[in-house]
Amino acid sequence: MKKLVTLSMLTVVSFSFGQKMFIVKSDEKFGIINESGIEIVPPKYTSIDEFDKMHPNWAKVESASLFGFVDKNGKIVVEPKYQTIESYDAYNAGWALVVKDGKYGFMNEAGKEVVPPIYDKIGTFGEYSKEWALVESQGLKGFIDKEGNVVVPVKYVEVSKFDDVRKNWALVKDRKEKLGFIDKTGKEVIPVIYDNIEAFTKKKPTDLANAE
């Protein structure tokens, strides 16, 4: 590391391990130095957030309208390659939603992609099933779990809520407009081969009388 000689602006950003850290600006780019004037992060970013704001010991940085993270040693821990990095824990504990090339995925606390950013939409966990989130790609839907696994392949054009028609089942429709059911393990318990499915309903005594 070197001492930064030409600075156009100094701003205190945080305390780190008992010493102050400063955001510096040079030629319209931002970096970070410590209180001894030692350059921790070179001034090459469009913006730098405070350390610990989104992740312990990390600061979010922006370069060419893309975001990543650096740590307090100045090391790049997540390359600036995401259009968006949302707050950790908003969707799942230890995960942050990321957007890359317009597609959605998740990153864990180590900065690793646990769900690759390949989806057009990602729903919230618990909306359909406690441990699952609905994902969508090219108009097709499926589910991922809280481990990042695909538990229902992304192949249905429509997925109903579980228990709407039958307890623990969800009605699904494929590209050919065929209907069937999946259960809460992701298994097709009724093959997706039917043009129409209607649930049996138990008639009330008055309904039976009127039917005679």
Protein backbone atom coordinates (compact mmCIF):
# COMPACT_ATOMS: atom_id res chain seq x y z
CA MET A 1 0.00 0.00 0.00
CA LYS A 2 1.08 3.57 -0.62
CA LYS A 3 0.41 7.02 0.72
CA LEU A 4 -2.00 9.05 -1.39
CA VAL A 5 -0.45 12.37 -2.37
CA THR A 6 -3.12 14.30 -4.31
CA LEU A 7 -6.56 14.43 -2.70
CA SER A 8 -9.47 16.66 -3.59
CA MET A 9 -11.77 15.70 -0.71
CA LEU A 10 -11.66 13.92 2.64
CA THR A 11 -14.70 12.59 4.48
CA VAL A 12 -14.79 10.51 7.65
CA VAL A 13 -16.79 7.37 6.93
CA SER A 14 -16.37 5.04 9.89
CA PHE A 15 -14.19 3.67 12.64
CA SER A 16 -12.40 0.42 11.92
CA PHE A 17 -10.39 -1.52 14.47
CA GLY A 18 -9.96 1.65 16.54
CA GLN A 19 -8.88 3.96 13.69
CA LYS A 20 -10.73 6.32 11.41
CA MET A 21 -11.29 5.60 7.75
CA PHE A 22 -11.75 8.35 5.18
CA ILE A 23 -13.41 8.45 1.79
CA VAL A 24 -11.17 10.27 -0.66
CA LYS A 25 -11.97 11.68 -4.07
CA SER A 26 -9.53 12.10 -6.91
CA ASP A 27 -10.43 12.82 -10.55
CA GLU A 28 -14.11 12.21 -9.74
CA LYS A 29 -13.38 8.73 -8.38
CA PHE A 30 -13.64 7.56 -4.79
CA GLY A 31 -11.32 5.49 -2.61
CA ILE A 32 -10.51 4.99 1.08
CA ILE A 33 -7.49 5.85 3.23
CA ASN A 34 -6.84 5.26 6.91
CA GLU A 35 -5.95 7.96 9.45
CA SER A 36 -2.26 7.48 8.69
CA GLY A 37 -2.88 8.45 5.08
CA ILE A 38 -2.32 4.93 3.83
CA GLU A 39 -4.40 4.05 0.80
CA ILE A 40 -6.71 1.14 1.62
CA VAL A 41 -8.93 1.31 -1.47
CA PRO A 42 -7.60 3.14 -4.54
CA PRO A 43 -9.79 5.99 -5.87
CA LYS A 44 -11.34 4.16 -8.81
CA TYR A 45 -14.99 3.81 -7.84
CA THR A 46 -18.02 5.92 -8.78
CA SER A 47 -19.34 5.58 -5.23
CA ILE A 48 -18.44 3.87 -1.95
CA ASP A 49 -20.81 3.13 0.94
CA GLU A 50 -19.78 2.99 4.58
CA PHE A 51 -18.26 -0.22 5.91
CA ASP A 52 -20.64 -2.50 7.81
CA LYS A 53 -23.72 -0.84 6.33
CA MET A 54 -24.81 -3.92 4.37
CA HIS A 55 -22.33 -6.56 5.50
CA PRO A 56 -19.85 -6.78 8.42
CA ASN A 57 -16.39 -5.49 7.38
CA TRP A 58 -17.49 -4.84 3.79
CA ALA A 59 -18.33 -1.66 1.86
CA LYS A 60 -20.44 -1.63 -1.28
CA VAL A 61 -18.65 -0.03 -4.23
CA GLU A 62 -19.85 1.09 -7.64
CA SER A 63 -17.96 1.03 -10.91
CA ALA A 64 -19.48 1.66 -14.36
CA SER A 65 -22.97 1.51 -12.77
CA LEU A 66 -22.27 -1.97 -11.39
CA PHE A 67 -21.95 -2.93 -7.72
CA GLY A 68 -19.73 -5.17 -5.63
CA PHE A 69 -17.94 -5.20 -2.23
CA VAL A 70 -14.48 -4.50 -0.83
CA ASP A 71 -13.31 -5.43 2.66
CA LYS A 72 -11.40 -3.31 5.20
CA ASN A 73 -8.10 -4.49 3.82
CA GLY A 74 -9.03 -3.10 0.42
CA LYS A 75 -9.51 -6.55 -1.08
CA ILE A 76 -12.28 -6.97 -3.64
CA VAL A 77 -14.49 -9.68 -2.15
CA VAL A 78 -17.29 -9.34 -4.72
CA GLU A 79 -16.44 -8.03 -8.17
CA PRO A 80 -18.56 -5.03 -9.24
CA LYS A 81 -20.76 -6.93 -11.71
CA TYR A 82 -24.29 -6.55 -10.39
CA GLN A 83 -26.84 -3.94 -11.40
CA THR A 84 -28.40 -4.25 -7.96
CA ILE A 85 -27.45 -5.76 -4.61
CA GLU A 86 -30.30 -5.62 -2.13
CA SER A 87 -30.08 -5.86 1.65
CA TYR A 88 -29.15 -9.16 3.26
CA ASP A 89 -31.84 -11.21 5.04
CA ALA A 90 -34.76 -9.52 3.24
CA TYR A 91 -35.70 -12.75 1.43
CA ASN A 92 -33.79 -15.47 3.28
CA ALA A 93 -31.36 -15.43 6.20
CA GLY A 94 -27.82 -14.73 4.99
CA TRP A 95 -28.87 -14.06 1.39
CA ALA A 96 -28.92 -10.86 -0.66
CA LEU A 97 -30.94 -10.50 -3.86
CA VAL A 98 -28.75 -9.59 -6.84
CA VAL A 99 -29.54 -8.49 -10.38
CA LYS A 100 -27.16 -9.17 -13.27
CA ASP A 101 -27.99 -8.45 -16.92
CA GLY A 102 -31.58 -7.92 -15.85
CA LYS A 103 -31.85 -11.37 -14.23
CA TYR A 104 -32.43 -12.16 -10.54
CA GLY A 105 -30.56 -14.47 -8.18
CA PHE A 106 -29.12 -14.62 -4.64
CA MET A 107 -25.69 -14.18 -3.08
CA ASN A 108 -24.71 -15.53 0.35
CA GLU A 109 -22.68 -13.87 3.11
CA ALA A 110 -19.44 -15.17 1.60
CA GLY A 111 -20.23 -13.35 -1.64
CA LYS A 112 -20.96 -16.59 -3.51
CA GLU A 113 -23.97 -17.03 -5.79
CA VAL A 114 -26.25 -19.59 -4.17
CA VAL A 115 -28.94 -18.99 -6.78
CA PRO A 116 -27.51 -17.94 -10.15
CA PRO A 117 -29.01 -14.74 -11.59
CA ILE A 118 -30.96 -16.42 -14.38
CA TYR A 119 -34.56 -15.67 -13.42
CA ASP A 120 -36.91 -12.96 -14.71
CA LYS A 121 -38.74 -12.92 -11.37
CA ILE A 122 -38.29 -14.36 -7.88
CA GLY A 123 -41.14 -14.36 -5.38
CA THR A 124 -40.95 -14.34 -1.61
CA PHE A 125 -40.38 -17.46 0.46
CA GLY A 126 -43.59 -18.58 2.13
CA GLU A 127 -45.98 -17.15 -0.45
CA TYR A 128 -46.74 -20.64 -1.81
CA SER A 129 -44.84 -22.90 0.58
CA LYS A 130 -42.90 -22.02 3.74
CA GLU A 131 -39.54 -23.23 2.43
CA TRP A 132 -40.01 -22.38 -1.27
CA ALA A 133 -40.01 -19.32 -3.51
CA LEU A 134 -41.63 -19.14 -6.93
CA VAL A 135 -39.20 -18.37 -9.76
CA GLU A 136 -39.98 -17.43 -13.34
CA SER A 137 -37.96 -17.58 -16.56
CA GLN A 138 -39.23 -16.93 -20.08
CA GLY A 139 -42.82 -17.14 -18.92
CA LEU A 140 -42.38 -20.47 -17.14
CA LYS A 141 -42.57 -21.05 -13.40
CA GLY A 142 -41.09 -23.37 -10.80
CA PHE A 143 -39.76 -23.31 -7.23
CA ILE A 144 -36.44 -23.04 -5.41
CA ASP A 145 -35.87 -23.86 -1.74
CA LYS A 146 -33.91 -22.06 0.98
CA GLU A 147 -30.79 -24.04 0.10
CA GLY A 148 -30.87 -22.70 -3.45
CA ASN A 149 -32.01 -25.99 -4.97
CA VAL A 150 -34.58 -26.19 -7.77
CA VAL A 151 -37.32 -28.31 -6.18
CA VAL A 152 -39.91 -27.87 -8.95
CA PRO A 153 -38.56 -27.51 -12.49
CA VAL A 154 -39.29 -24.21 -14.23
CA LYS A 155 -41.73 -25.63 -16.79
CA TYR A 156 -45.25 -24.53 -15.87
CA VAL A 157 -47.09 -21.53 -17.29
CA GLU A 158 -49.39 -21.39 -14.27
CA VAL A 159 -49.09 -22.58 -10.67
CA SER A 160 -51.95 -22.18 -8.19
CA LYS A 161 -51.54 -21.80 -4.45
CA PHE A 162 -51.27 -25.03 -2.50
CA ASP A 163 -54.50 -26.20 -0.82
CA ASP A 164 -56.71 -24.13 -3.15
CA VAL A 165 -58.25 -27.22 -4.75
CA ARG A 166 -56.97 -30.06 -2.56
CA LYS A 167 -54.96 -30.02 0.65
CA ASN A 168 -51.17 -30.14 0.03
CA TRP A 169 -51.61 -30.02 -3.76
CA ALA A 170 -51.20 -27.18 -6.28
CA LEU A 171 -52.84 -27.10 -9.70
CA VAL A 172 -50.34 -26.58 -12.55
CA LYS A 173 -50.64 -25.92 -16.27
CA ASP A 174 -47.99 -26.59 -18.91
CA ARG A 175 -47.23 -25.00 -22.31
CA LYS A 176 -49.82 -27.24 -24.01
CA GLU A 177 -52.56 -25.95 -21.69
CA LYS A 178 -52.70 -29.33 -19.95
CA LEU A 179 -53.50 -29.52 -16.23
CA GLY A 180 -52.29 -31.66 -13.34
CA PHE A 181 -51.22 -31.41 -9.70
CA ILE A 182 -47.93 -31.23 -7.79
CA ASP A 183 -47.58 -31.88 -4.08
CA LYS A 184 -45.43 -30.13 -1.48
CA THR A 185 -42.45 -32.33 -2.31
CA GLY A 186 -42.55 -31.10 -5.92
CA LYS A 187 -43.78 -34.43 -7.29
CA GLU A 188 -46.45 -34.55 -9.99
CA VAL A 189 -49.08 -36.55 -8.13
CA ILE A 190 -51.56 -36.13 -10.99
CA PRO A 191 -49.94 -36.15 -14.45
CA VAL A 192 -50.18 -32.90 -16.39
CA ILE A 193 -52.30 -34.39 -19.19
CA TYR A 194 -55.86 -33.15 -18.62
CA ASP A 195 -57.80 -30.46 -20.47
CA ASN A 196 -59.95 -29.69 -17.46
CA ILE A 197 -60.01 -30.61 -13.77
CA GLU A 198 -62.96 -29.89 -11.51
CA ALA A 199 -63.00 -30.65 -7.82
CA PHE A 200 -65.76 -32.77 -6.30
CA THR A 201 -67.74 -30.73 -3.79
CA LYS A 202 -69.95 -32.21 -1.13
CA LYS A 203 -73.50 -31.02 -1.67
CA LYS A 204 -75.58 -29.75 1.20
CA PRO A 205 -78.88 -31.52 1.98
CA THR A 206 -80.83 -28.58 0.55
CA ASP A 207 -78.85 -28.81 -2.68
CA LEU A 208 -79.73 -32.51 -2.97
CA ALA A 209 -83.40 -31.79 -2.39
CA ASN A 210 -83.43 -29.14 -5.09
CA ALA A 211 -81.71 -31.54 -7.49
CA GLU A 212 -84.61 -34.05 -7.26
